[in-house]
PDB file of N, CA and C in Angstrom:
ATOM      1  N   UNK A   1      10.386 -15.662 -85.508  1.00  0.00           N
ATOM      2  CA  UNK A   1      10.440 -15.677 -84.062  1.00  0.00           C
ATOM      3  C   UNK A   1      10.779 -14.291 -83.529  1.00  0.00           C
ATOM      4  N   UNK A   2      10.177 -13.967 -82.434  1.00  0.00           N
ATOM      5  CA  UNK A   2      10.384 -12.669 -81.809  1.00  0.00           C
ATOM      6  C   UNK A   2      11.451 -12.780 -80.732  1.00  0.00           C
ATOM      7  N   UNK A   3      12.403 -11.843 -80.730  1.00  0.00           N
ATOM      8  CA  UNK A   3      13.423 -11.815 -79.686  1.00  0.00           C
ATOM      9  C   UNK A   3      13.042 -10.811 -78.629  1.00  0.00           C
ATOM     10  N   UNK A   4      13.436 -11.101 -77.399  1.00  0.00           N
ATOM     11  CA  UNK A   4      13.105 -10.228 -76.284  1.00  0.00           C
ATOM     12  C   UNK A   4      14.380  -9.829 -75.565  1.00  0.00           C
ATOM     13  N   UNK A   5      14.519  -8.548 -75.261  1.00  0.00           N
ATOM     14  CA  UNK A   5      15.657  -8.067 -74.493  1.00  0.00           C
ATOM     15  C   UNK A   5      15.311  -8.165 -73.022  1.00  0.00           C
ATOM     16  N   UNK A   6      16.170  -8.826 -72.260  1.00  0.00           N
ATOM     17  CA  UNK A   6      15.936  -9.006 -70.830  1.00  0.00           C
ATOM     18  C   UNK A   6      16.815  -8.031 -70.069  1.00  0.00           C
ATOM     19  N   UNK A   7      16.196  -7.190 -69.258  1.00  0.00           N
ATOM     20  CA  UNK A   7      16.944  -6.215 -68.476  1.00  0.00           C
ATOM     21  C   UNK A   7      17.437  -6.856 -67.189  1.00  0.00           C
ATOM     22  N   UNK A   8      18.657  -6.513 -66.799  1.00  0.00           N
ATOM     23  CA  UNK A   8      19.216  -7.015 -65.546  1.00  0.00           C
ATOM     24  C   UNK A   8      18.463  -6.407 -64.376  1.00  0.00           C
ATOM     25  N   UNK A   9      18.202  -7.199 -63.351  1.00  0.00           N
ATOM     26  CA  UNK A   9      17.483  -6.708 -62.183  1.00  0.00           C
ATOM     27  C   UNK A   9      18.423  -6.106 -61.149  1.00  0.00           C
ATOM     28  N   UNK A  10      19.706  -6.408 -61.251  1.00  0.00           N
ATOM     29  CA  UNK A  10      20.677  -5.887 -60.299  1.00  0.00           C
ATOM     30  C   UNK A  10      21.120  -4.481 -60.683  1.00  0.00           C
ATOM     31  N   UNK A  11      21.837  -3.864 -59.796  1.00  0.00           N
ATOM     32  CA  UNK A  11      22.348  -2.528 -60.052  1.00  0.00           C
ATOM     33  C   UNK A  11      23.828  -2.610 -60.392  1.00  0.00           C
ATOM     34  N   UNK A  12      24.310  -1.666 -61.173  1.00  0.00           N
ATOM     35  CA  UNK A  12      25.729  -1.598 -61.507  1.00  0.00           C
ATOM     36  C   UNK A  12      26.527  -1.065 -60.322  1.00  0.00           C
ATOM     37  N   UNK A  13      27.801  -1.324 -60.347  1.00  0.00           N
ATOM     38  CA  UNK A  13      28.695  -0.822 -59.294  1.00  0.00           C
ATOM     39  C   UNK A  13      29.937  -0.220 -59.924  1.00  0.00           C
ATOM     40  N   UNK A  14      30.577   0.666 -59.184  1.00  0.00           N
ATOM     41  CA  UNK A  14      31.832   1.270 -59.607  1.00  0.00           C
ATOM     42  C   UNK A  14      32.898   0.936 -58.579  1.00  0.00           C
ATOM     43  N   UNK A  15      34.156   0.977 -59.010  1.00  0.00           N
ATOM     44  CA  UNK A  15      35.290   0.696 -58.135  1.00  0.00           C
ATOM     45  C   UNK A  15      36.229   1.901 -58.156  1.00  0.00           C
ATOM     46  N   UNK A  16      35.995   2.878 -57.280  1.00  0.00           N
ATOM     47  CA  UNK A  16      36.799   4.101 -57.274  1.00  0.00           C
ATOM     48  C   UNK A  16      38.298   3.844 -57.110  1.00  0.00           C
ATOM     49  N   UNK A  17      38.698   2.779 -56.407  1.00  0.00           N
ATOM     50  CA  UNK A  17      40.121   2.486 -56.201  1.00  0.00           C
ATOM     51  C   UNK A  17      40.833   2.151 -57.512  1.00  0.00           C
ATOM     52  N   UNK A  18      40.090   1.837 -58.560  1.00  0.00           N
ATOM     53  CA  UNK A  18      40.698   1.475 -59.846  1.00  0.00           C
ATOM     54  C   UNK A  18      40.786   2.651 -60.819  1.00  0.00           C
ATOM     55  N   UNK A  19      40.164   3.770 -60.482  1.00  0.00           N
ATOM     56  CA  UNK A  19      40.180   4.943 -61.376  1.00  0.00           C
ATOM     57  C   UNK A  19      41.598   5.437 -61.610  1.00  0.00           C
ATOM     58  N   UNK A  20      41.919   5.717 -62.870  1.00  0.00           N
ATOM     59  CA  UNK A  20      43.215   6.273 -63.231  1.00  0.00           C
ATOM     60  C   UNK A  20      44.332   5.261 -63.377  1.00  0.00           C
ATOM     61  N   UNK A  21      44.110   4.006 -63.028  1.00  0.00           N
ATOM     62  CA  UNK A  21      45.158   2.990 -63.169  1.00  0.00           C
ATOM     63  C   UNK A  21      45.377   2.674 -64.649  1.00  0.00           C
ATOM     64  N   UNK A  22      46.624   2.374 -64.997  1.00  0.00           N
ATOM     65  CA  UNK A  22      46.977   2.022 -66.373  1.00  0.00           C
ATOM     66  C   UNK A  22      47.049   0.502 -66.475  1.00  0.00           C
ATOM     67  N   UNK A  23      46.297  -0.053 -67.419  1.00  0.00           N
ATOM     68  CA  UNK A  23      46.225  -1.501 -67.596  1.00  0.00           C
ATOM     69  C   UNK A  23      47.453  -2.021 -68.337  1.00  0.00           C
ATOM     70  N   UNK A  24      48.073  -3.077 -67.774  1.00  0.00           N
ATOM     71  CA  UNK A  24      49.208  -3.732 -68.416  1.00  0.00           C
ATOM     72  C   UNK A  24      48.731  -4.967 -69.181  1.00  0.00           C
ATOM     73  N   UNK A  25      47.863  -5.766 -68.548  1.00  0.00           N
ATOM     74  CA  UNK A  25      47.424  -7.012 -69.182  1.00  0.00           C
ATOM     75  C   UNK A  25      46.055  -7.408 -68.645  1.00  0.00           C
ATOM     76  N   UNK A  26      45.254  -8.029 -69.521  1.00  0.00           N
ATOM     77  CA  UNK A  26      43.932  -8.532 -69.145  1.00  0.00           C
ATOM     78  C   UNK A  26      43.892 -10.016 -69.467  1.00  0.00           C
ATOM     79  N   UNK A  27      43.444 -10.816 -68.492  1.00  0.00           N
ATOM     80  CA  UNK A  27      43.335 -12.273 -68.691  1.00  0.00           C
ATOM     81  C   UNK A  27      41.911 -12.719 -68.366  1.00  0.00           C
ATOM     82  N   UNK A  28      41.404 -13.643 -69.179  1.00  0.00           N
ATOM     83  CA  UNK A  28      40.096 -14.245 -68.934  1.00  0.00           C
ATOM     84  C   UNK A  28      40.297 -15.751 -68.864  1.00  0.00           C
ATOM     85  N   UNK A  29      39.847 -16.371 -67.781  1.00  0.00           N
ATOM     86  CA  UNK A  29      39.968 -17.826 -67.602  1.00  0.00           C
ATOM     87  C   UNK A  29      38.569 -18.406 -67.481  1.00  0.00           C
ATOM     88  N   UNK A  30      38.296 -19.447 -68.265  1.00  0.00           N
ATOM     89  CA  UNK A  30      36.998 -20.114 -68.208  1.00  0.00           C
ATOM     90  C   UNK A  30      37.248 -21.613 -68.292  1.00  0.00           C
ATOM     91  N   UNK A  31      37.412 -22.259 -67.140  1.00  0.00           N
ATOM     92  CA  UNK A  31      37.622 -23.705 -67.129  1.00  0.00           C
ATOM     93  C   UNK A  31      36.688 -24.355 -66.118  1.00  0.00           C
ATOM     94  N   UNK A  32      36.851 -25.648 -65.891  1.00  0.00           N
ATOM     95  CA  UNK A  32      35.908 -26.359 -65.012  1.00  0.00           C
ATOM     96  C   UNK A  32      36.023 -25.942 -63.549  1.00  0.00           C
ATOM     97  N   UNK A  33      37.141 -25.355 -63.135  1.00  0.00           N
ATOM     98  CA  UNK A  33      37.307 -24.945 -61.746  1.00  0.00           C
ATOM     99  C   UNK A  33      36.689 -23.581 -61.444  1.00  0.00           C
ATOM    100  N   UNK A  34      36.880 -22.630 -62.342  1.00  0.00           N
ATOM    101  CA  UNK A  34      36.328 -21.287 -62.124  1.00  0.00           C
ATOM    102  C   UNK A  34      36.360 -20.463 -63.406  1.00  0.00           C
ATOM    103  N   UNK A  35      35.626 -19.349 -63.386  1.00  0.00           N
ATOM    104  CA  UNK A  35      35.636 -18.371 -64.465  1.00  0.00           C
ATOM    105  C   UNK A  35      36.031 -17.040 -63.850  1.00  0.00           C
ATOM    106  N   UNK A  36      37.049 -16.399 -64.394  1.00  0.00           N
ATOM    107  CA  UNK A  36      37.536 -15.147 -63.805  1.00  0.00           C
ATOM    108  C   UNK A  36      38.090 -14.211 -64.862  1.00  0.00           C
ATOM    109  N   UNK A  37      37.992 -12.926 -64.562  1.00  0.00           N
ATOM    110  CA  UNK A  37      38.608 -11.879 -65.348  1.00  0.00           C
ATOM    111  C   UNK A  37      39.618 -11.202 -64.435  1.00  0.00           C
ATOM    112  N   UNK A  38      40.898 -11.181 -64.840  1.00  0.00           N
ATOM    113  CA  UNK A  38      41.959 -10.569 -64.041  1.00  0.00           C
ATOM    114  C   UNK A  38      42.575  -9.433 -64.846  1.00  0.00           C
ATOM    115  N   UNK A  39      42.698  -8.267 -64.197  1.00  0.00           N
ATOM    116  CA  UNK A  39      43.296  -7.099 -64.831  1.00  0.00           C
ATOM    117  C   UNK A  39      44.542  -6.732 -64.035  1.00  0.00           C
ATOM    118  N   UNK A  40      45.691  -6.735 -64.707  1.00  0.00           N
ATOM    119  CA  UNK A  40      46.971  -6.383 -64.086  1.00  0.00           C
ATOM    120  C   UNK A  40      47.319  -4.951 -64.495  1.00  0.00           C
ATOM    121  N   UNK A  41      47.757  -4.155 -63.506  1.00  0.00           N
ATOM    122  CA  UNK A  41      48.060  -2.742 -63.751  1.00  0.00           C
ATOM    123  C   UNK A  41      49.567  -2.489 -63.737  1.00  0.00           C
ATOM    124  N   UNK A  42      49.973  -1.348 -64.301  1.00  0.00           N
ATOM    125  CA  UNK A  42      51.384  -0.960 -64.377  1.00  0.00           C
ATOM    126  C   UNK A  42      52.019  -0.719 -63.009  1.00  0.00           C
ATOM    127  N   UNK A  43      51.210  -0.456 -61.975  1.00  0.00           N
ATOM    128  CA  UNK A  43      51.768  -0.191 -60.650  1.00  0.00           C
ATOM    129  C   UNK A  43      51.929  -1.479 -59.825  1.00  0.00           C
ATOM    130  N   UNK A  44      51.995  -2.632 -60.509  1.00  0.00           N
ATOM    131  CA  UNK A  44      52.182  -3.958 -59.885  1.00  0.00           C
ATOM    132  C   UNK A  44      51.033  -4.365 -58.969  1.00  0.00           C
ATOM    133  N   UNK A  45      49.818  -3.909 -59.275  1.00  0.00           N
ATOM    134  CA  UNK A  45      48.613  -4.386 -58.583  1.00  0.00           C
ATOM    135  C   UNK A  45      47.743  -5.093 -59.602  1.00  0.00           C
ATOM    136  N   UNK A  46      46.788  -5.868 -59.114  1.00  0.00           N
ATOM    137  CA  UNK A  46      45.831  -6.498 -60.013  1.00  0.00           C
ATOM    138  C   UNK A  46      44.498  -6.637 -59.315  1.00  0.00           C
ATOM    139  N   UNK A  47      43.462  -6.753 -60.122  1.00  0.00           N
ATOM    140  CA  UNK A  47      42.112  -6.981 -59.621  1.00  0.00           C
ATOM    141  C   UNK A  47      41.583  -8.226 -60.319  1.00  0.00           C
ATOM    142  N   UNK A  48      40.835  -9.028 -59.570  1.00  0.00           N
ATOM    143  CA  UNK A  48      40.313 -10.274 -60.111  1.00  0.00           C
ATOM    144  C   UNK A  48      38.819 -10.356 -59.825  1.00  0.00           C
ATOM    145  N   UNK A  49      38.047 -10.632 -60.867  1.00  0.00           N
ATOM    146  CA  UNK A  49      36.604 -10.817 -60.741  1.00  0.00           C
ATOM    147  C   UNK A  49      36.291 -12.278 -61.051  1.00  0.00           C
ATOM    148  N   UNK A  50      35.672 -12.974 -60.100  1.00  0.00           N
ATOM    149  CA  UNK A  50      35.242 -14.362 -60.332  1.00  0.00           C
ATOM    150  C   UNK A  50      33.750 -14.361 -60.592  1.00  0.00           C
ATOM    151  N   UNK A  51      33.334 -15.190 -61.545  1.00  0.00           N
ATOM    152  CA  UNK A  51      31.940 -15.205 -61.982  1.00  0.00           C
ATOM    153  C   UNK A  51      31.271 -16.535 -61.694  1.00  0.00           C
ATOM    154  N   UNK A  52      29.961 -16.476 -61.430  1.00  0.00           N
ATOM    155  CA  UNK A  52      29.127 -17.664 -61.332  1.00  0.00           C
ATOM    156  C   UNK A  52      28.222 -17.680 -62.554  1.00  0.00           C
ATOM    157  N   UNK A  53      27.911 -18.861 -63.040  1.00  0.00           N
ATOM    158  CA  UNK A  53      27.035 -18.980 -64.200  1.00  0.00           C
ATOM    159  C   UNK A  53      25.595 -18.708 -63.797  1.00  0.00           C
ATOM    160  N   UNK A  54      24.857 -18.133 -64.738  1.00  0.00           N
ATOM    161  CA  UNK A  54      23.441 -17.876 -64.538  1.00  0.00           C
ATOM    162  C   UNK A  54      22.746 -18.123 -65.866  1.00  0.00           C
ATOM    163  N   UNK A  55      21.620 -18.804 -65.820  1.00  0.00           N
ATOM    164  CA  UNK A  55      20.905 -19.131 -67.047  1.00  0.00           C
ATOM    165  C   UNK A  55      19.664 -18.252 -67.148  1.00  0.00           C
ATOM    166  N   UNK A  56      19.428 -17.690 -68.336  1.00  0.00           N
ATOM    167  CA  UNK A  56      18.246 -16.870 -68.581  1.00  0.00           C
ATOM    168  C   UNK A  56      17.725 -17.181 -69.979  1.00  0.00           C
ATOM    169  N   UNK A  57      16.431 -17.061 -70.159  1.00  0.00           N
ATOM    170  CA  UNK A  57      15.838 -17.264 -71.476  1.00  0.00           C
ATOM    171  C   UNK A  57      16.059 -16.015 -72.322  1.00  0.00           C
ATOM    172  N   UNK A  58      16.525 -16.205 -73.565  1.00  0.00           N
ATOM    173  CA  UNK A  58      16.710 -15.059 -74.449  1.00  0.00           C
ATOM    174  C   UNK A  58      15.421 -14.742 -75.217  1.00  0.00           C
ATOM    175  N   UNK A  59      14.546 -15.729 -75.353  1.00  0.00           N
ATOM    176  CA  UNK A  59      13.227 -15.500 -75.955  1.00  0.00           C
ATOM    177  C   UNK A  59      12.194 -16.225 -75.100  1.00  0.00           C
ATOM    178  N   UNK A  60      10.964 -15.781 -75.209  1.00  0.00           N
ATOM    179  CA  UNK A  60       9.905 -16.453 -74.458  1.00  0.00           C
ATOM    180  C   UNK A  60       9.698 -17.866 -75.010  1.00  0.00           C
ATOM    181  N   UNK A  61       9.400 -18.842 -74.135  1.00  0.00           N
ATOM    182  CA  UNK A  61       9.157 -20.201 -74.617  1.00  0.00           C
ATOM    183  C   UNK A  61       7.889 -20.256 -75.480  1.00  0.00           C
ATOM    184  N   UNK A  62       7.896 -21.170 -76.446  1.00  0.00           N
ATOM    185  CA  UNK A  62       6.771 -21.307 -77.357  1.00  0.00           C
ATOM    186  C   UNK A  62       6.272 -22.750 -77.365  1.00  0.00           C
ATOM    187  N   UNK A  63       4.969 -22.902 -77.512  1.00  0.00           N
ATOM    188  CA  UNK A  63       4.352 -24.214 -77.665  1.00  0.00           C
ATOM    189  C   UNK A  63       4.015 -24.370 -79.139  1.00  0.00           C
ATOM    190  N   UNK A  64       4.596 -25.388 -79.776  1.00  0.00           N
ATOM    191  CA  UNK A  64       4.452 -25.557 -81.225  1.00  0.00           C
ATOM    192  C   UNK A  64       3.582 -26.749 -81.562  1.00  0.00           C
ATOM    193  N   UNK A  65       2.900 -26.670 -82.713  1.00  0.00           N
ATOM    194  CA  UNK A  65       2.156 -27.788 -83.278  1.00  0.00           C
ATOM    195  C   UNK A  65       2.939 -28.282 -84.493  1.00  0.00           C
ATOM    196  N   UNK A  66       3.252 -29.579 -84.506  1.00  0.00           N
ATOM    197  CA  UNK A  66       4.038 -30.168 -85.587  1.00  0.00           C
ATOM    198  C   UNK A  66       3.131 -31.066 -86.417  1.00  0.00           C
ATOM    199  N   UNK A  67       3.185 -30.902 -87.742  1.00  0.00           N
ATOM    200  CA  UNK A  67       2.382 -31.714 -88.656  1.00  0.00           C
ATOM    201  C   UNK A  67       3.277 -32.154 -89.805  1.00  0.00           C
ATOM    202  N   UNK A  68       3.456 -33.445 -89.961  1.00  0.00           N
ATOM    203  CA  UNK A  68       4.296 -33.964 -91.039  1.00  0.00           C
ATOM    204  C   UNK A  68       5.754 -33.562 -90.911  1.00  0.00           C
ATOM    205  N   UNK A  69       6.220 -33.356 -89.680  1.00  0.00           N
ATOM    206  CA  UNK A  69       7.606 -32.997 -89.443  1.00  0.00           C
ATOM    207  C   UNK A  69       7.884 -31.498 -89.537  1.00  0.00           C
ATOM    208  N   UNK A  70       6.847 -30.698 -89.815  1.00  0.00           N
ATOM    209  CA  UNK A  70       7.006 -29.249 -89.920  1.00  0.00           C
ATOM    210  C   UNK A  70       6.193 -28.540 -88.845  1.00  0.00           C
ATOM    211  N   UNK A  71       6.725 -27.437 -88.368  1.00  0.00           N
ATOM    212  CA  UNK A  71       5.968 -26.622 -87.410  1.00  0.00           C
ATOM    213  C   UNK A  71       4.943 -25.827 -88.212  1.00  0.00           C
ATOM    214  N   UNK A  72       3.668 -26.039 -87.895  1.00  0.00           N
ATOM    215  CA  UNK A  72       2.608 -25.360 -88.640  1.00  0.00           C
ATOM    216  C   UNK A  72       1.991 -24.216 -87.843  1.00  0.00           C
ATOM    217  N   UNK A  73       2.206 -24.226 -86.527  1.00  0.00           N
ATOM    218  CA  UNK A  73       1.647 -23.161 -85.702  1.00  0.00           C
ATOM    219  C   UNK A  73       2.410 -23.117 -84.394  1.00  0.00           C
ATOM    220  N   UNK A  74       2.605 -21.937 -83.874  1.00  0.00           N
ATOM    221  CA  UNK A  74       3.201 -21.812 -82.556  1.00  0.00           C
ATOM    222  C   UNK A  74       2.618 -20.610 -81.848  1.00  0.00           C
ATOM    223  N   UNK A  75       2.652 -20.678 -80.527  1.00  0.00           N
ATOM    224  CA  UNK A  75       2.173 -19.565 -79.717  1.00  0.00           C
ATOM    225  C   UNK A  75       3.043 -19.452 -78.476  1.00  0.00           C
ATOM    226  N   UNK A  76       3.099 -18.240 -77.955  1.00  0.00           N
ATOM    227  CA  UNK A  76       3.893 -17.986 -76.758  1.00  0.00           C
ATOM    228  C   UNK A  76       3.289 -18.741 -75.574  1.00  0.00           C
ATOM    229  N   UNK A  77       4.136 -19.341 -74.776  1.00  0.00           N
ATOM    230  CA  UNK A  77       3.703 -20.079 -73.602  1.00  0.00           C
ATOM    231  C   UNK A  77       3.510 -19.088 -72.460  1.00  0.00           C
ATOM    232  N   UNK A  78       2.303 -19.010 -71.937  1.00  0.00           N
ATOM    233  CA  UNK A  78       1.988 -18.073 -70.855  1.00  0.00           C
ATOM    234  C   UNK A  78       2.532 -18.589 -69.523  1.00  0.00           C
ATOM    235  N   UNK A  79       2.807 -17.674 -68.629  1.00  0.00           N
ATOM    236  CA  UNK A  79       3.333 -18.045 -67.309  1.00  0.00           C
ATOM    237  C   UNK A  79       2.449 -17.464 -66.216  1.00  0.00           C
ATOM    238  N   UNK A  80       2.612 -17.986 -65.002  1.00  0.00           N
ATOM    239  CA  UNK A  80       1.972 -17.435 -63.818  1.00  0.00           C
ATOM    240  C   UNK A  80       2.839 -17.773 -62.624  1.00  0.00           C
ATOM    241  N   UNK A  81       2.736 -17.018 -61.558  1.00  0.00           N
ATOM    242  CA  UNK A  81       3.550 -17.300 -60.370  1.00  0.00           C
ATOM    243  C   UNK A  81       3.179 -18.659 -59.774  1.00  0.00           C
ATOM    244  N   UNK A  82       4.157 -19.295 -59.149  1.00  0.00           N
ATOM    245  CA  UNK A  82       3.904 -20.569 -58.483  1.00  0.00           C
ATOM    246  C   UNK A  82       3.203 -20.295 -57.162  1.00  0.00           C
ATOM    247  N   UNK A  83       2.090 -20.981 -56.934  1.00  0.00           N
ATOM    248  CA  UNK A  83       1.369 -20.846 -55.687  1.00  0.00           C
ATOM    249  C   UNK A  83       1.705 -22.030 -54.807  1.00  0.00           C
ATOM    250  N   UNK A  84       2.103 -21.752 -53.596  1.00  0.00           N
ATOM    251  CA  UNK A  84       2.480 -22.809 -52.675  1.00  0.00           C
ATOM    252  C   UNK A  84       1.262 -23.277 -51.899  1.00  0.00           C
ATOM    253  N   UNK A  85       1.036 -24.559 -51.908  1.00  0.00           N
ATOM    254  CA  UNK A  85      -0.099 -25.118 -51.186  1.00  0.00           C
ATOM    255  C   UNK A  85       0.322 -25.460 -49.773  1.00  0.00           C
ATOM    256  N   UNK A  86      -0.512 -25.090 -48.832  1.00  0.00           N
ATOM    257  CA  UNK A  86      -0.239 -25.375 -47.432  1.00  0.00           C
ATOM    258  C   UNK A  86      -1.224 -26.432 -46.969  1.00  0.00           C
ATOM    259  N   UNK A  87      -0.696 -27.526 -46.414  1.00  0.00           N
ATOM    260  CA  UNK A  87      -1.554 -28.608 -45.933  1.00  0.00           C
ATOM    261  C   UNK A  87      -2.282 -28.156 -44.666  1.00  0.00           C
ATOM    262  N   UNK A  88      -3.573 -28.424 -44.649  1.00  0.00           N
ATOM    263  CA  UNK A  88      -4.377 -28.073 -43.461  1.00  0.00           C
ATOM    264  C   UNK A  88      -4.578 -29.311 -42.612  1.00  0.00           C
ATOM    265  N   UNK A  89      -4.583 -29.103 -41.326  1.00  0.00           N
ATOM    266  CA  UNK A  89      -4.767 -30.232 -40.391  1.00  0.00           C
ATOM    267  C   UNK A  89      -6.192 -30.343 -39.947  1.00  0.00           C
TER     268      UNK A  89
END
């Protein structure tokens, strides 16, 4: 199977207010209520990043042919943009 690297479409950001701060503790929380990364600094400040889940394919989908319980052939599943149909009156 072939693996594909997916590049992020968003741009990176920097936080100048955090430059030079000394980290005291880092916490990561991942439960049913929220997912967050909290960084506590020596100057009694902290920053908290909350995350939303996002699903992406790590490899392209494949259409397989199974014979006798074994995959005997597979090919990459092609895609195309969704075309929206407009009803005419």
